[in-house]
Protein backbone atom coordinates (compact mmCIF):
# COMPACT_ATOMS: atom_id res chain seq x y z
CA UNK A 1 87.20 102.09 94.78
CA UNK A 2 89.00 104.47 91.94
CA UNK A 3 88.13 103.52 88.09
CA UNK A 4 90.90 102.04 87.09
CA UNK A 5 89.56 100.97 83.84
CA UNK A 6 86.79 99.16 81.64
CA UNK A 7 85.77 96.48 79.88
CA UNK A 8 83.01 96.29 76.62
CA UNK A 9 81.50 92.72 76.30
CA UNK A 10 82.15 91.53 72.58
CA UNK A 11 80.98 88.01 71.78
CA UNK A 12 81.74 85.81 74.88
CA UNK A 13 84.65 87.49 75.88
CA UNK A 14 85.62 91.15 77.82
CA UNK A 15 87.93 93.30 75.82
CA UNK A 16 89.32 96.71 77.27
CA UNK A 17 92.24 98.77 79.17
CA UNK A 18 93.29 99.39 82.82
CA UNK A 19 95.85 102.15 83.58
CA UNK A 20 97.86 101.66 87.32
CA UNK A 21 101.04 103.90 88.05
CA UNK A 22 102.60 99.91 86.92
CA UNK A 23 100.38 98.75 84.45
CA UNK A 24 98.97 100.23 82.01
CA UNK A 25 97.48 97.65 79.36
CA UNK A 26 94.70 96.15 77.18
CA UNK A 27 92.83 93.07 78.94
CA UNK A 28 90.77 90.26 76.94
CA UNK A 29 89.32 88.01 79.45
CA UNK A 30 87.92 84.42 77.68
CA UNK A 31 85.42 82.54 79.20
CA UNK A 32 86.91 79.78 81.34
CA UNK A 33 86.18 76.63 78.77
CA UNK A 34 88.19 73.48 81.07
CA UNK A 35 86.16 74.98 84.12
CA UNK A 36 84.31 71.84 85.88
CA UNK A 37 83.98 73.40 89.58
CA UNK A 38 82.71 76.93 91.04
CA UNK A 39 86.49 76.66 92.43
CA UNK A 40 87.69 77.50 89.41
CA UNK A 41 88.24 80.44 87.44
CA UNK A 42 85.33 81.62 85.14
CA UNK A 43 87.67 83.60 82.87
CA UNK A 44 91.17 83.50 81.82
CA UNK A 45 92.55 86.82 82.07
CA UNK A 46 94.76 88.03 78.57
CA UNK A 47 97.44 91.09 77.64
CA UNK A 48 99.15 91.31 74.84
CA UNK A 49 102.97 91.48 75.23
CA UNK A 50 106.06 93.38 72.89
CA UNK A 51 105.37 91.02 70.38
CA UNK A 52 101.61 91.04 69.85
CA UNK A 53 101.00 87.72 71.38
CA UNK A 54 98.51 87.40 74.16
CA UNK A 55 99.51 86.14 77.51
CA UNK A 56 98.12 84.74 80.36
CA UNK A 57 98.58 87.00 83.22
CA UNK A 58 95.72 86.31 85.28
CA UNK A 59 92.31 84.78 86.24
CA UNK A 60 88.72 86.37 87.05
CA UNK A 61 85.74 84.32 88.85
CA UNK A 62 82.36 85.17 88.99
CA UNK A 63 81.04 86.46 92.49
CA UNK A 64 77.92 87.64 93.85
CA UNK A 65 77.51 90.92 95.89
CA UNK A 66 76.70 90.82 99.55
CA UNK A 67 76.54 94.42 100.33
CA UNK A 68 73.24 95.52 101.57
CA UNK A 69 70.95 96.74 98.05
CA UNK A 70 73.24 95.33 96.41
CA UNK A 71 72.81 91.59 96.84
CA UNK A 72 72.66 88.99 94.40
CA UNK A 73 73.93 91.31 91.83
CA UNK A 74 77.23 89.72 89.75
CA UNK A 75 80.86 91.02 89.82
CA UNK A 76 83.79 89.80 88.20
CA UNK A 77 87.08 89.42 90.80
CA UNK A 78 90.10 89.58 88.88
CA UNK A 79 94.03 88.06 90.13
CA UNK A 80 96.61 89.78 87.75
CA UNK A 81 100.33 89.12 88.25
CA UNK A 82 103.41 88.52 85.87
CA UNK A 83 107.31 88.43 86.53
CA UNK A 84 107.51 92.44 85.76
CA UNK A 85 104.89 93.89 88.73
CA UNK A 86 106.08 94.03 92.51
CA UNK A 87 102.94 91.99 93.72
CA UNK A 88 100.14 90.93 92.19
CA UNK A 89 97.29 93.05 90.95
CA UNK A 90 93.39 92.32 92.46
CA UNK A 91 90.71 93.99 91.18
CA UNK A 92 86.88 93.94 90.76
CA UNK A 93 84.71 95.11 87.14
CA UNK A 94 81.05 95.62 87.92
CA UNK A 95 78.40 96.09 85.20
CA UNK A 96 77.89 99.81 84.70
CA UNK A 97 74.81 101.36 83.72
CA UNK A 98 76.17 101.41 80.34
CA UNK A 99 74.82 97.87 78.88
CA UNK A 100 77.48 96.07 77.48
CA UNK A 101 80.55 97.63 79.69
CA UNK A 102 81.63 97.12 83.06
CA UNK A 103 84.42 99.37 85.20
CA UNK A 104 87.41 98.26 86.69
CA UNK A 105 87.98 98.99 90.14
CA UNK A 106 90.51 98.71 92.76
CA UNK A 107 90.74 98.84 96.55
CA UNK A 108 93.78 97.75 98.64
CA UNK A 109 92.66 94.66 100.71
CA UNK A 110 91.64 95.27 104.21
CA UNK A 111 92.59 92.59 106.84
CA UNK A 112 89.87 90.64 108.12
CA UNK A 113 88.69 91.35 111.56
CA UNK A 114 89.83 88.83 114.58
CA UNK A 115 92.99 88.76 112.83
CA UNK A 116 96.33 89.21 114.17
CA UNK A 117 98.09 92.06 112.21
């Protein structure tokens, strides 16, 4: 999976940068203080607009890896969307070997087994 950015722990929030062909910008992930159930996002995702204001452009959910050898390792599943995007951007952030740092990766979603294409 290609790494398209990094996030760093800054207190309770994560701050960083991602770069794609369609989007290049800073992100801030704030813990979701309104969370009432496990199905709700663990974080709200913000970017800075051209006026320097924070704008909510998505959400992140804390999930656990199910792959053999990494079972239970936490990662963040992010969905970013904005009227300027041609489609929502789905990415994941995994803790890196450097403490307090997360690598943001992208992978095209695959059709699920058993579903007609």
